[in-house]
């Protein structure tokens, strides 16, 4: 099965600042709680924004090549059974 070429991470400015200081993407509260970084495909972005970031401003969108993340990137069913990308390794 072919997955998306690019995946996307939405983050708030404070998470971006913390990530820059720490030298790796720390993720949002849900990422920390689940133990991996949640990503979306381009087709999933608008619903992710609507459900989890409504009314927030100054958001940052990180775009990554999915194949560059290797075996640490998994695709797991979530909303409506759609496969979402999850990264189980640190992201510098």
PDB file of N, CA and C in Angstrom:
ATOM      1  N   UNK A   1       0.833  -1.183   0.000  1.00  0.00           N
ATOM      2  CA  UNK A   1       0.000   0.000   0.000  1.00  0.00           C
ATOM      3  C   UNK A   1       0.881   1.250   0.000  1.00  0.00           C
ATOM      4  N   UNK A   2       0.580   2.189  -0.862  1.00  0.00           N
ATOM      5  CA  UNK A   2       1.346   3.426  -0.947  1.00  0.00           C
ATOM      6  C   UNK A   2       0.714   4.460  -0.027  1.00  0.00           C
ATOM      7  N   UNK A   3       1.537   5.054   0.805  1.00  0.00           N
ATOM      8  CA  UNK A   3       1.068   6.109   1.712  1.00  0.00           C
ATOM      9  C   UNK A   3       1.476   7.463   1.152  1.00  0.00           C
ATOM     10  N   UNK A   4       1.076   8.502   1.823  1.00  0.00           N
ATOM     11  CA  UNK A   4       1.355   9.873   1.402  1.00  0.00           C
ATOM     12  C   UNK A   4       2.856  10.145   1.329  1.00  0.00           C
ATOM     13  N   UNK A   5       3.242  10.976   0.368  1.00  0.00           N
ATOM     14  CA  UNK A   5       4.646  11.373   0.251  1.00  0.00           C
ATOM     15  C   UNK A   5       5.042  12.290   1.406  1.00  0.00           C
ATOM     16  N   UNK A   6       4.151  13.212   1.766  1.00  0.00           N
ATOM     17  CA  UNK A   6       4.407  14.143   2.863  1.00  0.00           C
ATOM     18  C   UNK A   6       3.401  13.916   3.982  1.00  0.00           C
ATOM     19  N   UNK A   7       3.857  14.105   5.210  1.00  0.00           N
ATOM     20  CA  UNK A   7       2.971  14.110   6.366  1.00  0.00           C
ATOM     21  C   UNK A   7       3.172  15.428   7.097  1.00  0.00           C
ATOM     22  N   UNK A   8       2.199  15.794   7.922  1.00  0.00           N
ATOM     23  CA  UNK A   8       2.180  17.124   8.516  1.00  0.00           C
ATOM     24  C   UNK A   8       1.918  17.059  10.007  1.00  0.00           C
ATOM     25  N   UNK A   9       2.607  17.938  10.721  1.00  0.00           N
ATOM     26  CA  UNK A   9       2.440  18.077  12.169  1.00  0.00           C
ATOM     27  C   UNK A   9       2.015  19.508  12.458  1.00  0.00           C
ATOM     28  N   UNK A  10       0.926  19.665  13.169  1.00  0.00           N
ATOM     29  CA  UNK A  10       0.449  20.983  13.583  1.00  0.00           C
ATOM     30  C   UNK A  10       0.931  21.205  15.011  1.00  0.00           C
ATOM     31  N   UNK A  11       1.480  22.377  15.265  1.00  0.00           N
ATOM     32  CA  UNK A  11       1.985  22.667  16.608  1.00  0.00           C
ATOM     33  C   UNK A  11       1.689  24.117  16.975  1.00  0.00           C
ATOM     34  N   UNK A  12       1.590  24.347  18.263  1.00  0.00           N
ATOM     35  CA  UNK A  12       1.410  25.702  18.766  1.00  0.00           C
ATOM     36  C   UNK A  12       2.778  26.374  18.881  1.00  0.00           C
ATOM     37  N   UNK A  13       2.812  27.694  18.908  1.00  0.00           N
ATOM     38  CA  UNK A  13       4.092  28.395  19.014  1.00  0.00           C
ATOM     39  C   UNK A  13       4.916  27.999  20.230  1.00  0.00           C
ATOM     40  N   UNK A  14       4.262  27.742  21.375  1.00  0.00           N
ATOM     41  CA  UNK A  14       5.025  27.376  22.569  1.00  0.00           C
ATOM     42  C   UNK A  14       5.694  26.008  22.403  1.00  0.00           C
ATOM     43  N   UNK A  15       5.051  25.078  21.734  1.00  0.00           N
ATOM     44  CA  UNK A  15       5.657  23.765  21.479  1.00  0.00           C
ATOM     45  C   UNK A  15       6.826  23.903  20.504  1.00  0.00           C
ATOM     46  N   UNK A  16       6.677  24.770  19.518  1.00  0.00           N
ATOM     47  CA  UNK A  16       7.765  25.005  18.561  1.00  0.00           C
ATOM     48  C   UNK A  16       8.963  25.615  19.287  1.00  0.00           C
ATOM     49  N   UNK A  17       8.723  26.599  20.134  1.00  0.00           N
ATOM     50  CA  UNK A  17       9.817  27.223  20.893  1.00  0.00           C
ATOM     51  C   UNK A  17      10.512  26.209  21.794  1.00  0.00           C
ATOM     52  N   UNK A  18       9.739  25.384  22.490  1.00  0.00           N
ATOM     53  CA  UNK A  18      10.307  24.351  23.365  1.00  0.00           C
ATOM     54  C   UNK A  18      11.115  23.338  22.551  1.00  0.00           C
ATOM     55  N   UNK A  19      10.611  22.983  21.389  1.00  0.00           N
ATOM     56  CA  UNK A  19      11.313  22.030  20.518  1.00  0.00           C
ATOM     57  C   UNK A  19      12.643  22.594  20.039  1.00  0.00           C
ATOM     58  N   UNK A  20      12.642  23.861  19.684  1.00  0.00           N
ATOM     59  CA  UNK A  20      13.896  24.503  19.245  1.00  0.00           C
ATOM     60  C   UNK A  20      14.921  24.528  20.370  1.00  0.00           C
ATOM     61  N   UNK A  21      14.474  24.858  21.570  1.00  0.00           N
ATOM     62  CA  UNK A  21      15.391  24.895  22.712  1.00  0.00           C
ATOM     63  C   UNK A  21      15.942  23.505  23.036  1.00  0.00           C
ATOM     64  N   UNK A  22      15.096  22.484  22.924  1.00  0.00           N
ATOM     65  CA  UNK A  22      15.500  21.131  23.278  1.00  0.00           C
ATOM     66  C   UNK A  22      16.169  20.346  22.164  1.00  0.00           C
ATOM     67  N   UNK A  23      16.118  20.865  20.947  1.00  0.00           N
ATOM     68  CA  UNK A  23      16.767  20.197  19.824  1.00  0.00           C
ATOM     69  C   UNK A  23      15.992  19.036  19.215  1.00  0.00           C
ATOM     70  N   UNK A  24      14.734  18.864  19.625  1.00  0.00           N
ATOM     71  CA  UNK A  24      13.891  17.826  19.025  1.00  0.00           C
ATOM     72  C   UNK A  24      12.432  18.238  19.193  1.00  0.00           C
ATOM     73  N   UNK A  25      11.593  17.733  18.313  1.00  0.00           N
ATOM     74  CA  UNK A  25      10.168  18.054  18.381  1.00  0.00           C
ATOM     75  C   UNK A  25       9.568  17.322  19.573  1.00  0.00           C
ATOM     76  N   UNK A  26       9.059  18.083  20.519  1.00  0.00           N
ATOM     77  CA  UNK A  26       8.509  17.491  21.728  1.00  0.00           C
ATOM     78  C   UNK A  26       7.062  17.055  21.548  1.00  0.00           C
ATOM     79  N   UNK A  27       6.341  17.742  20.713  1.00  0.00           N
ATOM     80  CA  UNK A  27       4.949  17.382  20.459  1.00  0.00           C
ATOM     81  C   UNK A  27       3.977  18.079  21.384  1.00  0.00           C
ATOM     82  N   UNK A  28       2.720  17.890  21.059  1.00  0.00           N
ATOM     83  CA  UNK A  28       1.627  18.467  21.817  1.00  0.00           C
ATOM     84  C   UNK A  28       1.320  17.559  23.008  1.00  0.00           C
ATOM     85  N   UNK A  29       0.414  17.976  23.878  1.00  0.00           N
ATOM     86  CA  UNK A  29       0.061  17.193  25.061  1.00  0.00           C
ATOM     87  C   UNK A  29      -0.399  15.778  24.688  1.00  0.00           C
ATOM     88  N   UNK A  30      -1.177  15.651  23.629  1.00  0.00           N
ATOM     89  CA  UNK A  30      -1.652  14.325  23.209  1.00  0.00           C
ATOM     90  C   UNK A  30      -0.488  13.429  22.777  1.00  0.00           C
ATOM     91  N   UNK A  31       0.528  14.006  22.152  1.00  0.00           N
ATOM     92  CA  UNK A  31       1.708  13.237  21.748  1.00  0.00           C
ATOM     93  C   UNK A  31       2.447  12.713  22.974  1.00  0.00           C
ATOM     94  N   UNK A  32       2.615  13.578  23.953  1.00  0.00           N
ATOM     95  CA  UNK A  32       3.310  13.188  25.176  1.00  0.00           C
ATOM     96  C   UNK A  32       2.532  12.100  25.921  1.00  0.00           C
ATOM     97  N   UNK A  33       1.222  12.244  25.966  1.00  0.00           N
ATOM     98  CA  UNK A  33       0.391  11.258  26.661  1.00  0.00           C
ATOM     99  C   UNK A  33       0.407   9.903  25.953  1.00  0.00           C
ATOM    100  N   UNK A  34       0.399   9.922  24.620  1.00  0.00           N
ATOM    101  CA  UNK A  34       0.340   8.673  23.852  1.00  0.00           C
ATOM    102  C   UNK A  34       1.715   8.051  23.605  1.00  0.00           C
ATOM    103  N   UNK A  35       2.780   8.832  23.769  1.00  0.00           N
ATOM    104  CA  UNK A  35       4.127   8.302  23.600  1.00  0.00           C
ATOM    105  C   UNK A  35       4.621   8.264  22.178  1.00  0.00           C
ATOM    106  N   UNK A  36       3.964   8.978  21.288  1.00  0.00           N
ATOM    107  CA  UNK A  36       4.416   9.095  19.899  1.00  0.00           C
ATOM    108  C   UNK A  36       3.868  10.388  19.301  1.00  0.00           C
ATOM    109  N   UNK A  37       4.450  10.813  18.190  1.00  0.00           N
ATOM    110  CA  UNK A  37       4.008  12.030  17.523  1.00  0.00           C
ATOM    111  C   UNK A  37       2.895  11.709  16.534  1.00  0.00           C
ATOM    112  N   UNK A  38       1.795  12.418  16.653  1.00  0.00           N
ATOM    113  CA  UNK A  38       0.658  12.287  15.734  1.00  0.00           C
ATOM    114  C   UNK A  38       0.886  13.193  14.521  1.00  0.00           C
ATOM    115  N   UNK A  39       0.680  12.660  13.348  1.00  0.00           N
ATOM    116  CA  UNK A  39       0.761  13.423  12.105  1.00  0.00           C
ATOM    117  C   UNK A  39      -0.540  13.260  11.340  1.00  0.00           C
ATOM    118  N   UNK A  40      -0.697  14.046  10.293  1.00  0.00           N
ATOM    119  CA  UNK A  40      -1.834  13.942   9.382  1.00  0.00           C
ATOM    120  C   UNK A  40      -1.319  13.979   7.954  1.00  0.00           C
ATOM    121  N   UNK A  41      -2.118  13.433   7.046  1.00  0.00           N
ATOM    122  CA  UNK A  41      -1.842  13.614   5.624  1.00  0.00           C
ATOM    123  C   UNK A  41      -2.485  14.928   5.200  1.00  0.00           C
ATOM    124  N   UNK A  42      -2.220  15.369   3.996  1.00  0.00           N
ATOM    125  CA  UNK A  42      -2.817  16.612   3.502  1.00  0.00           C
ATOM    126  C   UNK A  42      -4.340  16.525   3.530  1.00  0.00           C
ATOM    127  N   UNK A  43      -4.879  15.357   3.191  1.00  0.00           N
ATOM    128  CA  UNK A  43      -6.325  15.175   3.172  1.00  0.00           C
ATOM    129  C   UNK A  43      -6.933  15.203   4.577  1.00  0.00           C
ATOM    130  N   UNK A  44      -6.166  14.905   5.590  1.00  0.00           N
ATOM    131  CA  UNK A  44      -6.662  14.851   6.967  1.00  0.00           C
ATOM    132  C   UNK A  44      -6.496  16.163   7.727  1.00  0.00           C
ATOM    133  N   UNK A  45      -5.726  17.086   7.175  1.00  0.00           N
ATOM    134  CA  UNK A  45      -5.382  18.311   7.906  1.00  0.00           C
ATOM    135  C   UNK A  45      -6.576  19.157   8.319  1.00  0.00           C
ATOM    136  N   UNK A  46      -7.506  19.401   7.418  1.00  0.00           N
ATOM    137  CA  UNK A  46      -8.607  20.308   7.758  1.00  0.00           C
ATOM    138  C   UNK A  46      -9.437  19.759   8.915  1.00  0.00           C
ATOM    139  N   UNK A  47      -9.680  18.460   8.936  1.00  0.00           N
ATOM    140  CA  UNK A  47     -10.458  17.873  10.037  1.00  0.00           C
ATOM    141  C   UNK A  47      -9.651  17.884  11.337  1.00  0.00           C
ATOM    142  N   UNK A  48      -8.348  17.636  11.255  1.00  0.00           N
ATOM    143  CA  UNK A  48      -7.496  17.712  12.451  1.00  0.00           C
ATOM    144  C   UNK A  48      -7.522  19.127  13.023  1.00  0.00           C
ATOM    145  N   UNK A  49      -7.415  20.117  12.155  1.00  0.00           N
ATOM    146  CA  UNK A  49      -7.495  21.509  12.620  1.00  0.00           C
ATOM    147  C   UNK A  49      -8.843  21.794  13.265  1.00  0.00           C
ATOM    148  N   UNK A  50      -9.911  21.370  12.635  1.00  0.00           N
ATOM    149  CA  UNK A  50     -11.249  21.623  13.151  1.00  0.00           C
ATOM    150  C   UNK A  50     -11.465  20.958  14.514  1.00  0.00           C
ATOM    151  N   UNK A  51     -11.030  19.728  14.653  1.00  0.00           N
ATOM    152  CA  UNK A  51     -11.281  18.980  15.883  1.00  0.00           C
ATOM    153  C   UNK A  51     -10.370  19.363  17.051  1.00  0.00           C
ATOM    154  N   UNK A  52      -9.118  19.708  16.746  1.00  0.00           N
ATOM    155  CA  UNK A  52      -8.136  19.851  17.825  1.00  0.00           C
ATOM    156  C   UNK A  52      -7.531  21.251  17.982  1.00  0.00           C
ATOM    157  N   UNK A  53      -7.754  22.123  17.004  1.00  0.00           N
ATOM    158  CA  UNK A  53      -7.085  23.435  17.061  1.00  0.00           C
ATOM    159  C   UNK A  53      -8.032  24.597  16.782  1.00  0.00           C
ATOM    160  N   UNK A  54      -9.312  24.373  16.866  1.00  0.00           N
ATOM    161  CA  UNK A  54     -10.302  25.410  16.557  1.00  0.00           C
ATOM    162  C   UNK A  54     -10.063  26.660  17.392  1.00  0.00           C
ATOM    163  N   UNK A  55     -10.058  27.799  16.724  1.00  0.00           N
ATOM    164  CA  UNK A  55      -9.930  29.080  17.400  1.00  0.00           C
ATOM    165  C   UNK A  55      -8.519  29.469  17.800  1.00  0.00           C
ATOM    166  N   UNK A  56      -7.559  28.610  17.550  1.00  0.00           N
ATOM    167  CA  UNK A  56      -6.177  28.924  17.909  1.00  0.00           C
ATOM    168  C   UNK A  56      -5.498  29.661  16.765  1.00  0.00           C
ATOM    169  N   UNK A  57      -4.602  30.560  17.105  1.00  0.00           N
ATOM    170  CA  UNK A  57      -3.869  31.301  16.077  1.00  0.00           C
ATOM    171  C   UNK A  57      -2.370  31.075  16.250  1.00  0.00           C
ATOM    172  N   UNK A  58      -1.617  31.447  15.243  1.00  0.00           N
ATOM    173  CA  UNK A  58      -0.169  31.342  15.308  1.00  0.00           C
ATOM    174  C   UNK A  58       0.343  29.922  15.173  1.00  0.00           C
ATOM    175  N   UNK A  59      -0.500  29.021  14.710  1.00  0.00           N
ATOM    176  CA  UNK A  59      -0.088  27.623  14.585  1.00  0.00           C
ATOM    177  C   UNK A  59       1.019  27.463  13.551  1.00  0.00           C
ATOM    178  N   UNK A  60       1.825  26.443  13.738  1.00  0.00           N
ATOM    179  CA  UNK A  60       2.932  26.141  12.833  1.00  0.00           C
ATOM    180  C   UNK A  60       2.656  24.785  12.199  1.00  0.00           C
ATOM    181  N   UNK A  61       2.928  24.679  10.911  1.00  0.00           N
ATOM    182  CA  UNK A  61       2.733  23.427  10.194  1.00  0.00           C
ATOM    183  C   UNK A  61       4.092  22.912   9.733  1.00  0.00           C
ATOM    184  N   UNK A  62       4.461  21.733  10.239  1.00  0.00           N
ATOM    185  CA  UNK A  62       5.698  21.079   9.823  1.00  0.00           C
ATOM    186  C   UNK A  62       5.352  20.069   8.737  1.00  0.00           C
ATOM    187  N   UNK A  63       6.106  20.078   7.645  1.00  0.00           N
ATOM    188  CA  UNK A  63       5.913  19.119   6.561  1.00  0.00           C
ATOM    189  C   UNK A  63       7.157  18.240   6.472  1.00  0.00           C
ATOM    190  N   UNK A  64       6.953  16.949   6.470  1.00  0.00           N
ATOM    191  CA  UNK A  64       8.061  15.991   6.430  1.00  0.00           C
ATOM    192  C   UNK A  64       7.820  14.966   5.335  1.00  0.00           C
ATOM    193  N   UNK A  65       8.909  14.519   4.712  1.00  0.00           N
ATOM    194  CA  UNK A  65       8.803  13.408   3.767  1.00  0.00           C
ATOM    195  C   UNK A  65       8.623  12.130   4.573  1.00  0.00           C
ATOM    196  N   UNK A  66       7.554  11.438   4.312  1.00  0.00           N
ATOM    197  CA  UNK A  66       7.239  10.235   5.078  1.00  0.00           C
ATOM    198  C   UNK A  66       8.331   9.178   4.950  1.00  0.00           C
ATOM    199  N   UNK A  67       8.868   8.990   3.758  1.00  0.00           N
ATOM    200  CA  UNK A  67       9.864   7.927   3.570  1.00  0.00           C
ATOM    201  C   UNK A  67      11.183   8.227   4.279  1.00  0.00           C
ATOM    202  N   UNK A  68      11.422   9.470   4.652  1.00  0.00           N
ATOM    203  CA  UNK A  68      12.659   9.833   5.355  1.00  0.00           C
ATOM    204  C   UNK A  68      12.631   9.388   6.819  1.00  0.00           C
ATOM    205  N   UNK A  69      11.471   9.013   7.325  1.00  0.00           N
ATOM    206  CA  UNK A  69      11.335   8.654   8.735  1.00  0.00           C
ATOM    207  C   UNK A  69      11.533   7.168   8.990  1.00  0.00           C
ATOM    208  N   UNK A  70      11.619   6.389   7.930  1.00  0.00           N
ATOM    209  CA  UNK A  70      11.939   4.963   8.054  1.00  0.00           C
ATOM    210  C   UNK A  70      10.886   4.153   8.793  1.00  0.00           C
ATOM    211  N   UNK A  71      11.348   3.109   9.438  1.00  0.00           N
ATOM    212  CA  UNK A  71      10.460   2.153  10.099  1.00  0.00           C
ATOM    213  C   UNK A  71       9.825   2.680  11.382  1.00  0.00           C
ATOM    214  N   UNK A  72      10.281   3.822  11.861  1.00  0.00           N
ATOM    215  CA  UNK A  72       9.688   4.407  13.062  1.00  0.00           C
ATOM    216  C   UNK A  72       8.350   5.080  12.769  1.00  0.00           C
ATOM    217  N   UNK A  73       8.015   5.205  11.496  1.00  0.00           N
ATOM    218  CA  UNK A  73       6.726   5.779  11.100  1.00  0.00           C
ATOM    219  C   UNK A  73       5.757   4.628  10.849  1.00  0.00           C
ATOM    220  N   UNK A  74       4.653   4.645  11.578  1.00  0.00           N
ATOM    221  CA  UNK A  74       3.632   3.622  11.396  1.00  0.00           C
ATOM    222  C   UNK A  74       2.343   4.287  10.933  1.00  0.00           C
ATOM    223  N   UNK A  75       1.487   3.502  10.322  1.00  0.00           N
ATOM    224  CA  UNK A  75       0.185   3.986   9.850  1.00  0.00           C
ATOM    225  C   UNK A  75      -0.879   3.174  10.581  1.00  0.00           C
ATOM    226  N   UNK A  76      -1.678   3.886  11.385  1.00  0.00           N
ATOM    227  CA  UNK A  76      -2.648   3.196  12.228  1.00  0.00           C
ATOM    228  C   UNK A  76      -4.037   3.794  12.041  1.00  0.00           C
ATOM    229  N   UNK A  77      -5.053   2.946  12.124  1.00  0.00           N
ATOM    230  CA  UNK A  77      -6.424   3.453  11.940  1.00  0.00           C
ATOM    231  C   UNK A  77      -6.845   4.361  13.084  1.00  0.00           C
ATOM    232  N   UNK A  78      -7.573   5.411  12.707  1.00  0.00           N
ATOM    233  CA  UNK A  78      -8.108   6.349  13.688  1.00  0.00           C
ATOM    234  C   UNK A  78      -9.481   6.782  13.198  1.00  0.00           C
ATOM    235  N   UNK A  79      -9.734   8.074  13.126  1.00  0.00           N
ATOM    236  CA  UNK A  79     -11.049   8.603  12.745  1.00  0.00           C
ATOM    237  C   UNK A  79     -11.641   7.854  11.553  1.00  0.00           C
ATOM    238  N   UNK A  80     -12.757   7.223  11.770  1.00  0.00           N
ATOM    239  CA  UNK A  80     -13.457   6.559  10.684  1.00  0.00           C
ATOM    240  C   UNK A  80     -12.670   5.449  10.008  1.00  0.00           C
ATOM    241  N   UNK A  81     -11.641   4.953  10.662  1.00  0.00           N
ATOM    242  CA  UNK A  81     -10.827   3.888  10.090  1.00  0.00           C
ATOM    243  C   UNK A  81      -9.724   4.371   9.167  1.00  0.00           C
ATOM    244  N   UNK A  82      -9.625   5.685   8.962  1.00  0.00           N
ATOM    245  CA  UNK A  82      -8.557   6.226   8.104  1.00  0.00           C
ATOM    246  C   UNK A  82      -7.203   5.974   8.755  1.00  0.00           C
ATOM    247  N   UNK A  83      -6.206   5.687   7.937  1.00  0.00           N
ATOM    248  CA  UNK A  83      -4.856   5.456   8.452  1.00  0.00           C
ATOM    249  C   UNK A  83      -4.153   6.785   8.696  1.00  0.00           C
ATOM    250  N   UNK A  84      -3.670   6.952   9.914  1.00  0.00           N
ATOM    251  CA  UNK A  84      -2.939   8.161  10.299  1.00  0.00           C
ATOM    252  C   UNK A  84      -1.489   7.801  10.581  1.00  0.00           C
ATOM    253  N   UNK A  85      -0.545   8.684  10.198  1.00  0.00           N
ATOM    254  CA  UNK A  85       0.868   8.441  10.474  1.00  0.00           C
ATOM    255  C   UNK A  85       1.233   8.803  11.909  1.00  0.00           C
ATOM    256  N   UNK A  86       1.977   7.900  12.543  1.00  0.00           N
ATOM    257  CA  UNK A  86       2.473   8.102  13.913  1.00  0.00           C
ATOM    258  C   UNK A  86       3.968   7.815  13.934  1.00  0.00           C
ATOM    259  N   UNK A  87       4.716   8.699  14.558  1.00  0.00           N
ATOM    260  CA  UNK A  87       6.175   8.522  14.663  1.00  0.00           C
ATOM    261  C   UNK A  87       6.523   8.114  16.085  1.00  0.00           C
ATOM    262  N   UNK A  88       7.196   6.961  16.202  1.00  0.00           N
ATOM    263  CA  UNK A  88       7.526   6.428  17.520  1.00  0.00           C
ATOM    264  C   UNK A  88       8.960   6.727  17.949  1.00  0.00           C
ATOM    265  N   UNK A  89       9.667   7.531  17.182  1.00  0.00           N
ATOM    266  CA  UNK A  89      11.052   7.888  17.495  1.00  0.00           C
ATOM    267  C   UNK A  89      11.163   9.395  17.693  1.00  0.00           C
ATOM    268  N   UNK A  90      12.277   9.820  18.245  1.00  0.00           N
ATOM    269  CA  UNK A  90      12.525  11.253  18.401  1.00  0.00           C
ATOM    270  C   UNK A  90      12.685  11.902  17.036  1.00  0.00           C
ATOM    271  N   UNK A  91      12.255  13.135  16.924  1.00  0.00           N
ATOM    272  CA  UNK A  91      12.376  13.902  15.683  1.00  0.00           C
ATOM    273  C   UNK A  91      13.227  15.137  15.945  1.00  0.00           C
ATOM    274  N   UNK A  92      14.493  15.107  15.473  1.00  0.00           N
ATOM    275  CA  UNK A  92      15.381  16.260  15.721  1.00  0.00           C
ATOM    276  C   UNK A  92      14.891  17.525  15.000  1.00  0.00           C
TER     277      UNK A  92
END
